[in-house]
C-alpha atoms as a PDB file:
ATOM      1  CA  MET A   1     117.289  71.178  93.037  1.00  0.00           C
ATOM      2  CA  VAL A   2     114.830  72.476  95.701  1.00  0.00           C
ATOM      3  CA  ASP A   3     115.556  74.641  98.668  1.00  0.00           C
ATOM      4  CA  PRO A   4     114.156  74.005 102.171  1.00  0.00           C
ATOM      5  CA  VAL A   5     111.035  75.989 101.601  1.00  0.00           C
ATOM      6  CA  GLY A   6     110.153  74.176  98.407  1.00  0.00           C
ATOM      7  CA  VAL A   7     111.254  76.596  95.767  1.00  0.00           C
ATOM      8  CA  PRO A   8     113.091  75.125  92.763  1.00  0.00           C
ATOM      9  CA  GLU A   9     116.441  76.880  92.187  1.00  0.00           C
ATOM     10  CA  ASN A  10     115.653  77.635  88.483  1.00  0.00           C
ATOM     11  CA  SER A  11     112.417  79.395  89.518  1.00  0.00           C
ATOM     12  CA  LYS A  12     114.305  81.275  92.208  1.00  0.00           C
ATOM     13  CA  ARG A  13     116.889  82.472  89.708  1.00  0.00           C
ATOM     14  CA  ARG A  14     114.243  83.674  87.279  1.00  0.00           C
ATOM     15  CA  ALA A  15     112.421  85.485  90.088  1.00  0.00           C
ATOM     16  CA  LEU A  16     115.671  87.168  91.118  1.00  0.00           C
ATOM     17  CA  VAL A  17     116.317  88.278  87.583  1.00  0.00           C
ATOM     18  CA  ARG A  18     112.769  89.758  87.229  1.00  0.00           C
ATOM     19  CA  LEU A  19     113.020  91.583  90.562  1.00  0.00           C
ATOM     20  CA  ALA A  20     116.514  92.918  89.661  1.00  0.00           C
ATOM     21  CA  LEU A  21     115.106  94.295  86.429  1.00  0.00           C
ATOM     22  CA  VAL A  22     112.193  95.932  88.323  1.00  0.00           C
ATOM     23  CA  VAL A  23     114.559  97.407  90.910  1.00  0.00           C
ATOM     24  CA  ALA A  24     116.816  98.687  88.059  1.00  0.00           C
ATOM     25  CA  VAL A  25     113.847 100.387  86.342  1.00  0.00           C
ATOM     26  CA  LEU A  26     112.689 101.999  89.655  1.00  0.00           C
ATOM     27  CA  THR A  27     116.230 103.164  90.398  1.00  0.00           C
ATOM     28  CA  VAL A  28     116.528 104.930  87.022  1.00  0.00           C
ATOM     29  CA  LEU A  29     113.103 106.535  87.472  1.00  0.00           C
ATOM     30  CA  PHE A  30     114.084 107.687  90.923  1.00  0.00           C
ATOM     31  CA  TYR A  31     117.305 109.128  89.698  1.00  0.00           C
ATOM     32  CA  PHE A  32     115.773 111.089  86.835  1.00  0.00           C
ATOM     33  CA  THR A  33     112.658 112.327  88.707  1.00  0.00           C
ATOM     34  CA  ALA A  34     113.850 112.876  92.266  1.00  0.00           C
ATOM     35  CA  ILE A  35     117.462 113.765  91.756  1.00  0.00           C
ATOM     36  CA  GLU A  36     117.914 115.143  88.207  1.00  0.00           C
ATOM     37  CA  ARG A  37     114.386 116.640  88.286  1.00  0.00           C
ATOM     38  CA  VAL A  38     113.864 116.086  84.554  1.00  0.00           C
ATOM     39  CA  ILE A  39     110.144 116.837  85.031  1.00  0.00           C
ATOM     40  CA  ASP A  40     109.535 120.575  85.266  1.00  0.00           C
ATOM     41  CA  ILE A  41     107.002 121.050  88.088  1.00  0.00           C
ATOM     42  CA  ASP A  42     106.468 124.711  87.222  1.00  0.00           C
ATOM     43  CA  ALA A  43     105.573 123.711  83.651  1.00  0.00           C
ATOM     44  CA  VAL A  44     103.132 121.188  85.039  1.00  0.00           C
ATOM     45  CA  ARG A  45     101.472 123.879  87.182  1.00  0.00           C
ATOM     46  CA  ARG A  46     101.109 126.156  84.207  1.00  0.00           C
ATOM     47  CA  LEU A  47      99.553 123.330  82.222  1.00  0.00           C
ATOM     48  CA  ILE A  48      97.121 122.590  85.051  1.00  0.00           C
ATOM     49  CA  GLU A  49      96.108 126.245  85.355  1.00  0.00           C
ATOM     50  CA  SER A  50      95.276 126.392  81.681  1.00  0.00           C
ATOM     51  CA  THR A  51      92.493 123.779  82.146  1.00  0.00           C
ATOM     52  CA  GLY A  52      90.323 126.351  84.026  1.00  0.00           C
ATOM     53  CA  PRO A  53      87.499 124.935  86.130  1.00  0.00           C
ATOM     54  CA  LEU A  54      88.776 121.370  85.601  1.00  0.00           C
ATOM     55  CA  ALA A  55      92.151 122.266  87.100  1.00  0.00           C
ATOM     56  CA  PRO A  56      91.587 120.403  90.455  1.00  0.00           C
ATOM     57  CA  LEU A  57      90.526 117.196  88.759  1.00  0.00           C
ATOM     58  CA  THR A  58      93.320 117.476  86.188  1.00  0.00           C
ATOM     59  CA  TYR A  59      95.869 117.958  88.969  1.00  0.00           C
ATOM     60  CA  VAL A  60      94.570 114.863  90.777  1.00  0.00           C
ATOM     61  CA  VAL A  61      95.126 112.734  87.678  1.00  0.00           C
ATOM     62  CA  VAL A  62      98.457 114.235  86.647  1.00  0.00           C
ATOM     63  CA  SER A  63      99.851 114.284  90.210  1.00  0.00           C
ATOM     64  CA  ALA A  64      98.828 110.646  90.741  1.00  0.00           C
ATOM     65  CA  VAL A  65     100.709 109.586  87.598  1.00  0.00           C
ATOM     66  CA  LEU A  66     103.758 111.761  88.401  1.00  0.00           C
ATOM     67  CA  GLY A  67     103.790 110.409  91.946  1.00  0.00           C
ATOM     68  CA  ALA A  68     103.797 106.824  90.604  1.00  0.00           C
ATOM     69  CA  LEU A  69     106.791 107.859  88.466  1.00  0.00           C
ATOM     70  CA  LEU A  70     108.590 108.749  91.680  1.00  0.00           C
ATOM     71  CA  VAL A  71     108.331 112.489  91.461  1.00  0.00           C
ATOM     72  CA  PRO A  72     108.583 113.518  95.191  1.00  0.00           C
ATOM     73  CA  GLY A  73     105.200 113.848  96.828  1.00  0.00           C
ATOM     74  CA  PRO A  74     105.987 116.931  98.879  1.00  0.00           C
ATOM     75  CA  LEU A  75     106.689 118.873  95.705  1.00  0.00           C
ATOM     76  CA  LEU A  76     103.396 117.812  94.183  1.00  0.00           C
ATOM     77  CA  ALA A  77     101.484 118.578  97.314  1.00  0.00           C
ATOM     78  CA  ALA A  78     103.071 121.992  97.610  1.00  0.00           C
ATOM     79  CA  GLY A  79     102.069 122.705  94.028  1.00  0.00           C
ATOM     80  CA  SER A  80      98.496 121.750  94.893  1.00  0.00           C
ATOM     81  CA  GLY A  81      98.480 124.194  97.806  1.00  0.00           C
ATOM     82  CA  PHE A  82     100.041 126.925  95.698  1.00  0.00           C
ATOM     83  CA  LEU A  83      97.432 126.513  93.017  1.00  0.00           C
ATOM     84  CA  PHE A  84      94.267 125.770  95.088  1.00  0.00           C
ATOM     85  CA  GLY A  85      94.862 126.986  98.580  1.00  0.00           C
ATOM     86  CA  PRO A  86      95.020 124.974 101.852  1.00  0.00           C
ATOM     87  CA  VAL A  87      91.472 123.668 101.920  1.00  0.00           C
ATOM     88  CA  LEU A  88      90.717 122.570  98.350  1.00  0.00           C
ATOM     89  CA  GLY A  89      94.449 121.836  97.847  1.00  0.00           C
ATOM     90  CA  THR A  90      94.419 119.277 100.646  1.00  0.00           C
ATOM     91  CA  PHE A  91      91.510 117.411  99.109  1.00  0.00           C
ATOM     92  CA  VAL A  92      93.222 117.520  95.702  1.00  0.00           C
ATOM     93  CA  THR A  93      96.440 116.226  97.298  1.00  0.00           C
ATOM     94  CA  LEU A  94      94.568 113.375  99.028  1.00  0.00           C
ATOM     95  CA  GLY A  95      92.898 112.377  95.787  1.00  0.00           C
ATOM     96  CA  ALA A  96      96.255 112.292  94.002  1.00  0.00           C
ATOM     97  CA  THR A  97      97.809 110.302  96.914  1.00  0.00           C
ATOM     98  CA  VAL A  98      95.101 107.592  96.656  1.00  0.00           C
ATOM     99  CA  GLY A  99      95.478 107.475  92.888  1.00  0.00           C
ATOM    100  CA  ASN A 100      99.277 107.219  93.223  1.00  0.00           C
ATOM    101  CA  ALA A 101      98.863 104.349  95.739  1.00  0.00           C
ATOM    102  CA  LEU A 102      96.549 102.337  93.446  1.00  0.00           C
ATOM    103  CA  ILE A 103      98.722 102.853  90.376  1.00  0.00           C
ATOM    104  CA  SER A 104     101.939 101.928  92.214  1.00  0.00           C
ATOM    105  CA  ALA A 105     100.362  98.953  94.014  1.00  0.00           C
ATOM    106  CA  TYR A 106      98.905  97.623  90.720  1.00  0.00           C
ATOM    107  CA  ALA A 107     102.295  97.973  89.048  1.00  0.00           C
ATOM    108  CA  GLY A 108     103.964  96.150  91.962  1.00  0.00           C
ATOM    109  CA  ARG A 109     101.343  93.385  91.783  1.00  0.00           C
ATOM    110  CA  ARG A 110     101.863  92.927  88.098  1.00  0.00           C
ATOM    111  CA  ALA A 111     105.619  93.181  88.121  1.00  0.00           C
ATOM    112  CA  GLY A 112     106.664  91.653  91.396  1.00  0.00           C
ATOM    113  CA  ARG A 113     103.902  89.465  92.850  1.00  0.00           C
ATOM    114  CA  ASP A 114     104.881  86.180  91.105  1.00  0.00           C
ATOM    115  CA  SER A 115     108.600  86.863  91.705  1.00  0.00           C
ATOM    116  CA  ALA A 116     108.019  87.494  95.432  1.00  0.00           C
ATOM    117  CA  ARG A 117     106.106  84.313  95.851  1.00  0.00           C
ATOM    118  CA  ALA A 118     108.665  82.305  93.896  1.00  0.00           C
ATOM    119  CA  LEU A 119     111.444  83.631  96.130  1.00  0.00           C
ATOM    120  CA  LEU A 120     109.615  83.135  99.373  1.00  0.00           C
ATOM    121  CA  GLY A 121     108.049  79.848  98.673  1.00  0.00           C
ATOM    122  CA  SER A 122     104.425  78.757  99.199  1.00  0.00           C
ATOM    123  CA  GLN A 123     104.600  78.388 103.000  1.00  0.00           C
ATOM    124  CA  ARG A 124     106.179  81.824 103.668  1.00  0.00           C
ATOM    125  CA  SER A 125     103.912  83.422 101.077  1.00  0.00           C
ATOM    126  CA  ASP A 126     100.809  81.930 102.711  1.00  0.00           C
ATOM    127  CA  ARG A 127     102.028  83.186 106.060  1.00  0.00           C
ATOM    128  CA  ILE A 128     102.564  86.677 104.698  1.00  0.00           C
ATOM    129  CA  ASP A 129      99.118  86.555 103.017  1.00  0.00           C
ATOM    130  CA  GLY A 130      97.584  85.713 106.453  1.00  0.00           C
ATOM    131  CA  MET A 131      99.443  88.643 108.016  1.00  0.00           C
ATOM    132  CA  ILE A 132      98.166  90.969 105.323  1.00  0.00           C
ATOM    133  CA  GLN A 133      94.591  89.863 105.754  1.00  0.00           C
ATOM    134  CA  ARG A 134      94.883  90.694 109.517  1.00  0.00           C
ATOM    135  CA  GLY A 135      96.830  93.979 109.289  1.00  0.00           C
ATOM    136  CA  GLY A 136      97.500  95.021 105.671  1.00  0.00           C
ATOM    137  CA  LEU A 137      95.328  98.187 106.041  1.00  0.00           C
ATOM    138  CA  TRP A 138      97.145  99.376 109.166  1.00  0.00           C
ATOM    139  CA  ALA A 139     100.497  98.568 107.651  1.00  0.00           C
ATOM    140  CA  VAL A 140      99.666 100.999 104.871  1.00  0.00           C
ATOM    141  CA  VAL A 141      98.464 103.633 107.377  1.00  0.00           C
ATOM    142  CA  LEU A 142     101.609 103.219 109.479  1.00  0.00           C
ATOM    143  CA  GLN A 143     103.926 103.588 106.499  1.00  0.00           C
ATOM    144  CA  ARG A 144     102.341 106.900 105.666  1.00  0.00           C
ATOM    145  CA  PHE A 145     103.002 108.240 109.099  1.00  0.00           C
ATOM    146  CA  VAL A 146     106.747 107.512 108.834  1.00  0.00           C
ATOM    147  CA  PRO A 147     108.712 110.420 107.171  1.00  0.00           C
ATOM    148  CA  GLY A 148     111.425 109.807 104.611  1.00  0.00           C
ATOM    149  CA  ILE A 149     109.825 106.781 102.914  1.00  0.00           C
ATOM    150  CA  SER A 150     108.760 107.099  99.325  1.00  0.00           C
ATOM    151  CA  ASP A 151     104.959 106.391  99.182  1.00  0.00           C
ATOM    152  CA  ALA A 152     105.211 105.169  95.621  1.00  0.00           C
ATOM    153  CA  LEU A 153     108.019 102.653  96.389  1.00  0.00           C
ATOM    154  CA  ALA A 154     106.193 101.486  99.564  1.00  0.00           C
ATOM    155  CA  SER A 155     102.955 101.073  97.542  1.00  0.00           C
ATOM    156  CA  PHE A 156     104.932  99.100  94.914  1.00  0.00           C
ATOM    157  CA  ALA A 157     106.186  96.744  97.620  1.00  0.00           C
ATOM    158  CA  PHE A 158     102.716  96.406  99.163  1.00  0.00           C
ATOM    159  CA  GLY A 159     101.327  95.464  95.796  1.00  0.00           C
ATOM    160  CA  ALA A 160     104.064  92.910  95.282  1.00  0.00           C
ATOM    161  CA  PHE A 161     103.113  91.277  98.571  1.00  0.00           C
ATOM    162  CA  GLY A 162      99.469  91.185  97.672  1.00  0.00           C
ATOM    163  CA  VAL A 163      97.855  93.963  99.742  1.00  0.00           C
ATOM    164  CA  PRO A 164      94.319  94.362  98.334  1.00  0.00           C
ATOM    165  CA  MET A 165      93.507  97.448  96.406  1.00  0.00           C
ATOM    166  CA  TRP A 166      90.739  98.579  98.798  1.00  0.00           C
ATOM    167  CA  GLN A 167      93.252  98.431 101.683  1.00  0.00           C
ATOM    168  CA  MET A 168      95.754 100.500  99.612  1.00  0.00           C
ATOM    169  CA  ALA A 169      93.077 103.138  98.921  1.00  0.00           C
ATOM    170  CA  ALA A 170      91.770 103.261 102.423  1.00  0.00           C
ATOM    171  CA  GLY A 171      95.241 103.132 104.054  1.00  0.00           C
ATOM    172  CA  ALA A 172      96.552 105.899 101.785  1.00  0.00           C
ATOM    173  CA  LEU A 173      93.526 108.049 102.480  1.00  0.00           C
ATOM    174  CA  ILE A 174      93.739 107.684 106.291  1.00  0.00           C
ATOM    175  CA  GLY A 175      97.526 107.651 106.708  1.00  0.00           C
ATOM    176  CA  SER A 176      98.269 110.457 104.252  1.00  0.00           C
ATOM    177  CA  ALA A 177      95.728 113.006 105.599  1.00  0.00           C
ATOM    178  CA  PRO A 178      98.177 114.719 108.073  1.00  0.00           C
ATOM    179  CA  ARG A 179     101.040 114.955 105.582  1.00  0.00           C
ATOM    180  CA  ALA A 180      98.685 116.015 102.789  1.00  0.00           C
ATOM    181  CA  PHE A 181      97.619 118.953 104.894  1.00  0.00           C
ATOM    182  CA  VAL A 182     101.186 119.744 105.972  1.00  0.00           C
ATOM    183  CA  TYR A 183     102.775 119.949 102.472  1.00  0.00           C
ATOM    184  CA  THR A 184      99.762 121.541 100.886  1.00  0.00           C
ATOM    185  CA  ALA A 185      99.579 124.211 103.596  1.00  0.00           C
ATOM    186  CA  LEU A 186     103.193 124.950 103.204  1.00  0.00           C
ATOM    187  CA  GLY A 187     102.763 125.339  99.460  1.00  0.00           C
ATOM    188  CA  ALA A 188      99.843 127.667 100.098  1.00  0.00           C
ATOM    189  CA  SER A 189     101.890 129.877 102.432  1.00  0.00           C
ATOM    190  CA  ILE A 190     104.946 130.240 100.192  1.00  0.00           C
ATOM    191  CA  GLY A 191     106.676 133.489 101.075  1.00  0.00           C
ATOM    192  CA  GLU A 192     104.845 133.655 104.484  1.00  0.00           C
ATOM    193  CA  PHE A 193     106.551 130.995 106.607  1.00  0.00           C
ATOM    194  CA  SER A 194     105.845 132.931 109.726  1.00  0.00           C
ATOM    195  CA  ALA A 195     102.119 132.794 109.058  1.00  0.00           C
ATOM    196  CA  PRO A 196      99.969 130.712 111.459  1.00  0.00           C
ATOM    197  CA  LEU A 197      99.123 128.315 108.660  1.00  0.00           C
ATOM    198  CA  ALA A 198     102.770 127.395 108.088  1.00  0.00           C
ATOM    199  CA  VAL A 199     103.458 127.125 111.758  1.00  0.00           C
ATOM    200  CA  THR A 200     100.447 124.822 112.182  1.00  0.00           C
ATOM    201  CA  ALA A 201     101.638 122.679 109.335  1.00  0.00           C
ATOM    202  CA  ILE A 202     105.119 122.298 110.887  1.00  0.00           C
ATOM    203  CA  VAL A 203     103.600 121.336 114.248  1.00  0.00           C
ATOM    204  CA  VAL A 204     101.392 118.719 112.581  1.00  0.00           C
ATOM    205  CA  TRP A 205     104.385 117.298 110.727  1.00  0.00           C
ATOM    206  CA  CYS A 206     106.383 116.986 113.949  1.00  0.00           C
ATOM    207  CA  VAL A 207     103.519 115.356 115.832  1.00  0.00           C
ATOM    208  CA  THR A 208     102.933 112.903 112.910  1.00  0.00           C
ATOM    209  CA  ALA A 209     106.666 112.071 112.734  1.00  0.00           C
ATOM    210  CA  VAL A 210     106.812 111.361 116.478  1.00  0.00           C
ATOM    211  CA  LEU A 211     103.717 109.164 116.327  1.00  0.00           C
ATOM    212  CA  GLY A 212     105.079 107.284 113.315  1.00  0.00           C
ATOM    213  CA  ALA A 213     108.420 106.613 115.061  1.00  0.00           C
ATOM    214  CA  PHE A 214     106.629 105.415 118.152  1.00  0.00           C
ATOM    215  CA  ALA A 215     104.300 103.158 116.205  1.00  0.00           C
ATOM    216  CA  VAL A 216     107.237 101.640 114.271  1.00  0.00           C
ATOM    217  CA  ARG A 217     109.088 100.899 117.430  1.00  0.00           C
ATOM    218  CA  ARG A 218     106.035  99.191 118.976  1.00  0.00           C
ATOM    219  CA  GLY A 219     105.486  97.257 115.731  1.00  0.00           C
ATOM    220  CA  VAL A 220     109.090  96.039 115.627  1.00  0.00           C
ATOM    221  CA  ARG A 221     108.947  94.964 119.264  1.00  0.00           C
ATOM    222  CA  SER A 222     105.664  93.111 118.702  1.00  0.00           C
ATOM    223  CA  TRP A 223     107.141  91.382 115.652  1.00  0.00           C
ATOM    224  CA  ARG A 224     110.264  90.298 117.534  1.00  0.00           C
ATOM    225  CA  ALA A 225     108.074  88.990 120.395  1.00  0.00           C
ATOM    226  CA  SER A 226     105.963  86.934 117.989  1.00  0.00           C
ATOM    227  CA  ARG A 227     109.116  85.538 116.347  1.00  0.00           C
ATOM    228  CA  SER A 228     110.667  84.553 119.675  1.00  0.00           C
ATOM    229  CA  GLY A 229     107.399  82.796 120.593  1.00  0.00           C
ATOM    230  CA  ASP A 230     107.335  80.654 117.425  1.00  0.00           C
END
């Protein structure tokens, strides 16, 4: 039996099972890392400090992996600011953010790409591929401007829908720059939240959140307009 978009029912069931397993694994990871906090961030910081001059590079690698495991990005960025200060820490955070995006997108491509195409069918998949070629980079940038969305989960979804790796890297670098500064600066100013650095970080966060909400609203309106014109 084949549905209207040309996807056999058996293939669809297998794709649903694979996606359900992937979602279950991600849910368990999220629970243990973001809610139960089974990974001791303080212990990670002490481990990084023990590497001496290689500490910034070590933190980039470790933070990228932990981020892909759904450890909350603000905690990792704050740790970077606490260890390296607002300037070097921001660059370290950006490096880790790009690494996290690439790891998560690659995992999404490997685990969910075939399932997504099987569920959507060839026609819908080709249409999405065309949309990604035209605006995949800016979709990644826009997602990074919107607060409250897990970057790792979003990167996983982008990978499953076939966003190229160079777009993931460039989009994460561009879109994450404001928040990287914000959380890193707050981590660097722990205990001095009245300091100008912390105030600047909060202002940047507010401006970024407003711009992100405005961009999402325009994007949704444009998408609805294009759908009504089909």
